[in-house]
Each structure stands twice: as structure tokens, then as C-alpha cells.
Amino acid sequence: MMNDVLIKTYCHEEKLENINLRAEYINKYTFRLKTEQFYKNIKRSIKKRVYICKEIYQNILTLAS
């Protein structure tokens, strides 16, 4: 199982409030990407990481209660 520090670091990096800033950053630099599909894959990857982080957080709350 992931240790506490690792979970905190992971969740800190993928906080939901940061997702719009990350999306704006990607939008600003889309001209560097080779294809539209690659851009879609990046956005999907970010959403997936945030979802996983939320799941981990919910599991921690469940275990703590």
C-alpha cells in the first residue's frame, strides 16, 4: 500500500482546483503538439489522475473513520 507521504504528495500535485490552471497551460501550448488526438490524450490523462486521487482520498477517510 502507498505510504502516507506518497499519498499526500500525489494528491497535492493533482488537486482539483489546479485542474483549470493546468488546462489553460496546455491550451496555451497546443501549437507545440503534433496532433489534436495527442492533445485529447493529455486532457484525458489529467482527468484520470484527478479521479484516482479522489478515490485514494475517499479510501483514507473511510479507513480513518
PDB file of N, CA and C in Angstrom:
ATOM      1  N   MET A   1       0.845  -1.206   0.000  1.00  0.00           N
ATOM      2  CA  MET A   1       0.000   0.000   0.000  1.00  0.00           C
ATOM      3  C   MET A   1       0.877   1.253   0.000  1.00  0.00           C
ATOM      4  N   MET A   2       0.370   2.311  -0.616  1.00  0.00           N
ATOM      5  CA  MET A   2       1.126   3.562  -0.679  1.00  0.00           C
ATOM      6  C   MET A   2       1.286   4.142   0.721  1.00  0.00           C
ATOM      7  N   ASN A   3       2.467   4.663   1.010  1.00  0.00           N
ATOM      8  CA  ASN A   3       2.627   5.268   2.331  1.00  0.00           C
ATOM      9  C   ASN A   3       2.014   6.663   2.367  1.00  0.00           C
ATOM     10  N   ASP A   4       1.836   7.180   3.571  1.00  0.00           N
ATOM     11  CA  ASP A   4       1.106   8.432   3.793  1.00  0.00           C
ATOM     12  C   ASP A   4       1.718   9.617   3.057  1.00  0.00           C
ATOM     13  N   VAL A   5       3.043   9.719   3.101  1.00  0.00           N
ATOM     14  CA  VAL A   5       3.734  10.839   2.450  1.00  0.00           C
ATOM     15  C   VAL A   5       3.514  10.799   0.945  1.00  0.00           C
ATOM     16  N   LEU A   6       3.607   9.599   0.378  1.00  0.00           N
ATOM     17  CA  LEU A   6       3.407   9.437  -1.060  1.00  0.00           C
ATOM     18  C   LEU A   6       1.996   9.850  -1.463  1.00  0.00           C
ATOM     19  N   ILE A   7       1.012   9.435  -0.680  1.00  0.00           N
ATOM     20  CA  ILE A   7      -0.381   9.795  -0.971  1.00  0.00           C
ATOM     21  C   ILE A   7      -0.567  11.310  -0.891  1.00  0.00           C
ATOM     22  N   LYS A   8      -0.033  11.931   0.156  1.00  0.00           N
ATOM     23  CA  LYS A   8      -0.161  13.387   0.309  1.00  0.00           C
ATOM     24  C   LYS A   8       0.488  14.120  -0.859  1.00  0.00           C
ATOM     25  N   THR A   9       1.669  13.665  -1.266  1.00  0.00           N
ATOM     26  CA  THR A   9       2.371  14.291  -2.390  1.00  0.00           C
ATOM     27  C   THR A   9       1.563  14.144  -3.666  1.00  0.00           C
ATOM     28  N   TYR A  10       1.073  12.936  -3.909  1.00  0.00           N
ATOM     29  CA  TYR A  10       0.295  12.655  -5.119  1.00  0.00           C
ATOM     30  C   TYR A  10      -0.945  13.530  -5.169  1.00  0.00           C
ATOM     31  N   CYS A  11      -1.682  13.602  -4.059  1.00  0.00           N
ATOM     32  CA  CYS A  11      -2.912  14.388  -4.026  1.00  0.00           C
ATOM     33  C   CYS A  11      -2.617  15.882  -4.136  1.00  0.00           C
ATOM     34  N   HIS A  12      -1.534  16.314  -3.532  1.00  0.00           N
ATOM     35  CA  HIS A  12      -1.162  17.728  -3.615  1.00  0.00           C
ATOM     36  C   HIS A  12      -0.913  18.118  -5.072  1.00  0.00           C
ATOM     37  N   GLU A  13      -0.253  17.252  -5.817  1.00  0.00           N
ATOM     38  CA  GLU A  13       0.071  17.542  -7.217  1.00  0.00           C
ATOM     39  C   GLU A  13      -1.165  17.539  -8.102  1.00  0.00           C
ATOM     40  N   GLU A  14      -2.191  16.796  -7.690  1.00  0.00           N
ATOM     41  CA  GLU A  14      -3.348  16.622  -8.561  1.00  0.00           C
ATOM     42  C   GLU A  14      -4.628  17.221  -7.976  1.00  0.00           C
ATOM     43  N   LYS A  15      -4.479  18.260  -7.146  1.00  0.00           N
ATOM     44  CA  LYS A  15      -5.659  18.894  -6.542  1.00  0.00           C
ATOM     45  C   LYS A  15      -6.633  19.382  -7.605  1.00  0.00           C
ATOM     46  N   LEU A  16      -7.914  19.229  -7.309  1.00  0.00           N
ATOM     47  CA  LEU A  16      -8.939  19.617  -8.277  1.00  0.00           C
ATOM     48  C   LEU A  16      -8.868  21.089  -8.656  1.00  0.00           C
ATOM     49  N   GLU A  17      -8.553  21.967  -7.692  1.00  0.00           N
ATOM     50  CA  GLU A  17      -8.523  23.397  -8.011  1.00  0.00           C
ATOM     51  C   GLU A  17      -7.392  23.755  -8.975  1.00  0.00           C
ATOM     52  N   ASN A  18      -6.429  22.865  -9.130  1.00  0.00           N
ATOM     53  CA  ASN A  18      -5.328  23.129 -10.065  1.00  0.00           C
ATOM     54  C   ASN A  18      -5.660  22.710 -11.493  1.00  0.00           C
ATOM     55  N   ILE A  19      -6.735  21.976 -11.664  1.00  0.00           N
ATOM     56  CA  ILE A  19      -7.011  21.379 -12.973  1.00  0.00           C
ATOM     57  C   ILE A  19      -7.272  22.439 -14.046  1.00  0.00           C
ATOM     58  N   ASN A  20      -7.958  23.526 -13.696  1.00  0.00           N
ATOM     59  CA  ASN A  20      -8.222  24.578 -14.684  1.00  0.00           C
ATOM     60  C   ASN A  20      -6.942  25.297 -15.097  1.00  0.00           C
ATOM     61  N   LEU A  21      -6.055  25.523 -14.140  1.00  0.00           N
ATOM     62  CA  LEU A  21      -4.775  26.156 -14.459  1.00  0.00           C
ATOM     63  C   LEU A  21      -3.946  25.265 -15.376  1.00  0.00           C
ATOM     64  N   ARG A  22      -3.966  23.961 -15.100  1.00  0.00           N
ATOM     65  CA  ARG A  22      -3.233  23.024 -15.951  1.00  0.00           C
ATOM     66  C   ARG A  22      -3.822  23.020 -17.360  1.00  0.00           C
ATOM     67  N   ALA A  23      -5.142  23.023 -17.454  1.00  0.00           N
ATOM     68  CA  ALA A  23      -5.808  23.016 -18.759  1.00  0.00           C
ATOM     69  C   ALA A  23      -5.456  24.278 -19.539  1.00  0.00           C
ATOM     70  N   GLU A  24      -5.439  25.431 -18.851  1.00  0.00           N
ATOM     71  CA  GLU A  24      -5.070  26.692 -19.510  1.00  0.00           C
ATOM     72  C   GLU A  24      -3.634  26.625 -20.033  1.00  0.00           C
ATOM     73  N   TYR A  25      -2.750  26.055 -19.232  1.00  0.00           N
ATOM     74  CA  TYR A  25      -1.344  25.926 -19.635  1.00  0.00           C
ATOM     75  C   TYR A  25      -1.233  25.076 -20.896  1.00  0.00           C
ATOM     76  N   ILE A  26      -1.952  23.961 -20.906  1.00  0.00           N
ATOM     77  CA  ILE A  26      -1.932  23.085 -22.085  1.00  0.00           C
ATOM     78  C   ILE A  26      -2.517  23.813 -23.295  1.00  0.00           C
ATOM     79  N   ASN A  27      -3.646  24.524 -23.107  1.00  0.00           N
ATOM     80  CA  ASN A  27      -4.263  25.260 -24.217  1.00  0.00           C
ATOM     81  C   ASN A  27      -3.287  26.259 -24.829  1.00  0.00           C
ATOM     82  N   LYS A  28      -2.535  26.941 -23.969  1.00  0.00           N
ATOM     83  CA  LYS A  28      -1.589  27.956 -24.426  1.00  0.00           C
ATOM     84  C   LYS A  28      -0.491  27.351 -25.303  1.00  0.00           C
ATOM     85  N   TYR A  29      -0.152  26.103 -25.050  1.00  0.00           N
ATOM     86  CA  TYR A  29       0.966  25.493 -25.774  1.00  0.00           C
ATOM     87  C   TYR A  29       0.548  24.386 -26.740  1.00  0.00           C
ATOM     88  N   THR A  30      -0.736  24.374 -27.117  1.00  0.00           N
ATOM     89  CA  THR A  30      -1.192  23.322 -28.038  1.00  0.00           C
ATOM     90  C   THR A  30      -0.489  23.383 -29.384  1.00  0.00           C
ATOM     91  N   PHE A  31      -0.021  24.571 -29.788  1.00  0.00           N
ATOM     92  CA  PHE A  31       0.642  24.689 -31.085  1.00  0.00           C
ATOM     93  C   PHE A  31       1.886  23.803 -31.150  1.00  0.00           C
ATOM     94  N   ARG A  32       2.421  23.407 -29.995  1.00  0.00           N
ATOM     95  CA  ARG A  32       3.609  22.560 -29.973  1.00  0.00           C
ATOM     96  C   ARG A  32       3.265  21.091 -30.212  1.00  0.00           C
ATOM     97  N   LEU A  33       1.993  20.755 -30.016  1.00  0.00           N
ATOM     98  CA  LEU A  33       1.604  19.356 -30.149  1.00  0.00           C
ATOM     99  C   LEU A  33       1.427  18.991 -31.616  1.00  0.00           C
ATOM    100  N   LYS A  34       1.763  17.753 -31.941  1.00  0.00           N
ATOM    101  CA  LYS A  34       1.725  17.317 -33.338  1.00  0.00           C
ATOM    102  C   LYS A  34       0.303  17.099 -33.839  1.00  0.00           C
ATOM    103  N   THR A  35      -0.572  16.539 -32.979  1.00  0.00           N
ATOM    104  CA  THR A  35      -1.927  16.222 -33.429  1.00  0.00           C
ATOM    105  C   THR A  35      -2.966  16.567 -32.378  1.00  0.00           C
ATOM    106  N   GLU A  36      -4.204  16.768 -32.839  1.00  0.00           N
ATOM    107  CA  GLU A  36      -5.322  17.033 -31.938  1.00  0.00           C
ATOM    108  C   GLU A  36      -5.563  15.833 -31.019  1.00  0.00           C
ATOM    109  N   GLN A  37      -5.367  14.625 -31.540  1.00  0.00           N
ATOM    110  CA  GLN A  37      -5.583  13.414 -30.742  1.00  0.00           C
ATOM    111  C   GLN A  37      -4.630  13.371 -29.546  1.00  0.00           C
ATOM    112  N   PHE A  38      -3.400  13.770 -29.753  1.00  0.00           N
ATOM    113  CA  PHE A  38      -2.413  13.790 -28.676  1.00  0.00           C
ATOM    114  C   PHE A  38      -2.875  14.745 -27.568  1.00  0.00           C
ATOM    115  N   TYR A  39      -3.402  15.904 -27.963  1.00  0.00           N
ATOM    116  CA  TYR A  39      -3.936  16.876 -27.011  1.00  0.00           C
ATOM    117  C   TYR A  39      -5.074  16.267 -26.192  1.00  0.00           C
ATOM    118  N   LYS A  40      -5.983  15.550 -26.865  1.00  0.00           N
ATOM    119  CA  LYS A  40      -7.102  14.901 -26.170  1.00  0.00           C
ATOM    120  C   LYS A  40      -6.598  13.862 -25.175  1.00  0.00           C
ATOM    121  N   ASN A  41      -5.563  13.127 -25.545  1.00  0.00           N
ATOM    122  CA  ASN A  41      -4.991  12.118 -24.649  1.00  0.00           C
ATOM    123  C   ASN A  41      -4.410  12.745 -23.387  1.00  0.00           C
ATOM    124  N   ILE A  42      -3.771  13.897 -23.528  1.00  0.00           N
ATOM    125  CA  ILE A  42      -3.215  14.602 -22.370  1.00  0.00           C
ATOM    126  C   ILE A  42      -4.345  15.021 -21.426  1.00  0.00           C
ATOM    127  N   LYS A  43      -5.401  15.616 -21.982  1.00  0.00           N
ATOM    128  CA  LYS A  43      -6.530  16.050 -21.150  1.00  0.00           C
ATOM    129  C   LYS A  43      -7.160  14.863 -20.424  1.00  0.00           C
ATOM    130  N   ARG A  44      -7.315  13.744 -21.129  1.00  0.00           N
ATOM    131  CA  ARG A  44      -7.906  12.541 -20.539  1.00  0.00           C
ATOM    132  C   ARG A  44      -7.018  12.025 -19.403  1.00  0.00           C
ATOM    133  N   SER A  45      -5.720  12.057 -19.597  1.00  0.00           N
ATOM    134  CA  SER A  45      -4.761  11.590 -18.600  1.00  0.00           C
ATOM    135  C   SER A  45      -4.856  12.420 -17.320  1.00  0.00           C
ATOM    136  N   ILE A  46      -4.973  13.746 -17.455  1.00  0.00           N
ATOM    137  CA  ILE A  46      -5.092  14.619 -16.287  1.00  0.00           C
ATOM    138  C   ILE A  46      -6.376  14.313 -15.524  1.00  0.00           C
ATOM    139  N   LYS A  47      -7.493  14.193 -16.240  1.00  0.00           N
ATOM    140  CA  LYS A  47      -8.771  13.883 -15.596  1.00  0.00           C
ATOM    141  C   LYS A  47      -8.694  12.563 -14.839  1.00  0.00           C
ATOM    142  N   LYS A  48      -8.038  11.577 -15.446  1.00  0.00           N
ATOM    143  CA  LYS A  48      -7.914  10.252 -14.831  1.00  0.00           C
ATOM    144  C   LYS A  48      -7.114  10.334 -13.535  1.00  0.00           C
ATOM    145  N   ARG A  49      -6.022  11.085 -13.537  1.00  0.00           N
ATOM    146  CA  ARG A  49      -5.197  11.217 -12.333  1.00  0.00           C
ATOM    147  C   ARG A  49      -5.965  11.892 -11.206  1.00  0.00           C
ATOM    148  N   VAL A  50      -6.747  12.916 -11.533  1.00  0.00           N
ATOM    149  CA  VAL A  50      -7.541  13.601 -10.512  1.00  0.00           C
ATOM    150  C   VAL A  50      -8.580  12.649  -9.928  1.00  0.00           C
ATOM    151  N   TYR A  51      -9.209  11.858 -10.785  1.00  0.00           N
ATOM    152  CA  TYR A  51     -10.208  10.896 -10.330  1.00  0.00           C
ATOM    153  C   TYR A  51      -9.576   9.872  -9.387  1.00  0.00           C
ATOM    154  N   ILE A  52      -8.409   9.354  -9.750  1.00  0.00           N
ATOM    155  CA  ILE A  52      -7.703   8.381  -8.909  1.00  0.00           C
ATOM    156  C   ILE A  52      -7.359   9.005  -7.560  1.00  0.00           C
ATOM    157  N   CYS A  53      -6.917  10.256  -7.568  1.00  0.00           N
ATOM    158  CA  CYS A  53      -6.578  10.954  -6.329  1.00  0.00           C
ATOM    159  C   CYS A  53      -7.800  11.053  -5.424  1.00  0.00           C
ATOM    160  N   LYS A  54      -8.955  11.402  -5.987  1.00  0.00           N
ATOM    161  CA  LYS A  54     -10.190  11.494  -5.207  1.00  0.00           C
ATOM    162  C   LYS A  54     -10.540  10.149  -4.593  1.00  0.00           C
ATOM    163  N   GLU A  55     -10.342   9.073  -5.365  1.00  0.00           N
ATOM    164  CA  GLU A  55     -10.618   7.721  -4.870  1.00  0.00           C
ATOM    165  C   GLU A  55      -9.715   7.382  -3.684  1.00  0.00           C
ATOM    166  N   ILE A  56      -8.428   7.686  -3.800  1.00  0.00           N
ATOM    167  CA  ILE A  56      -7.475   7.431  -2.716  1.00  0.00           C
ATOM    168  C   ILE A  56      -7.899   8.199  -1.469  1.00  0.00           C
ATOM    169  N   TYR A  57      -8.251   9.477  -1.641  1.00  0.00           N
ATOM    170  CA  TYR A  57      -8.663  10.322  -0.523  1.00  0.00           C
ATOM    171  C   TYR A  57      -9.896   9.753   0.170  1.00  0.00           C
ATOM    172  N   GLN A  58     -10.881   9.326  -0.609  1.00  0.00           N
ATOM    173  CA  GLN A  58     -12.095   8.727  -0.038  1.00  0.00           C
ATOM    174  C   GLN A  58     -11.753   7.459   0.738  1.00  0.00           C
ATOM    175  N   ASN A  59     -10.848   6.658   0.220  1.00  0.00           N
ATOM    176  CA  ASN A  59     -10.425   5.436   0.908  1.00  0.00           C
ATOM    177  C   ASN A  59      -9.754   5.748   2.239  1.00  0.00           C
ATOM    178  N   ILE A  60      -8.939   6.800   2.269  1.00  0.00           N
ATOM    179  CA  ILE A  60      -8.276   7.212   3.511  1.00  0.00           C
ATOM    180  C   ILE A  60      -9.324   7.627   4.541  1.00  0.00           C
ATOM    181  N   LEU A  61     -10.308   8.431   4.114  1.00  0.00           N
ATOM    182  CA  LEU A  61     -11.368   8.873   5.025  1.00  0.00           C
ATOM    183  C   LEU A  61     -12.143   7.684   5.583  1.00  0.00           C
ATOM    184  N   THR A  62     -12.416   6.710   4.724  1.00  0.00           N
ATOM    185  CA  THR A  62     -13.155   5.518   5.147  1.00  0.00           C
ATOM    186  C   THR A  62     -12.358   4.734   6.183  1.00  0.00           C
ATOM    187  N   LEU A  63     -11.071   4.563   5.940  1.00  0.00           N
ATOM    188  CA  LEU A  63     -10.211   3.823   6.869  1.00  0.00           C
ATOM    189  C   LEU A  63     -10.053   4.558   8.200  1.00  0.00           C
ATOM    190  N   ALA A  64     -10.031   5.883   8.140  1.00  0.00           N
ATOM    191  CA  ALA A  64      -9.821   6.687   9.351  1.00  0.00           C
ATOM    192  C   ALA A  64     -11.049   6.709  10.260  1.00  0.00           C
ATOM    193  N   SER A  65     -12.226   6.516   9.681  1.00  0.00           N
ATOM    194  CA  SER A  65     -13.449   6.620  10.488  1.00  0.00           C
ATOM    195  C   SER A  65     -13.750   5.338  11.248  1.00  0.00           C
TER     196      SER A  65
END
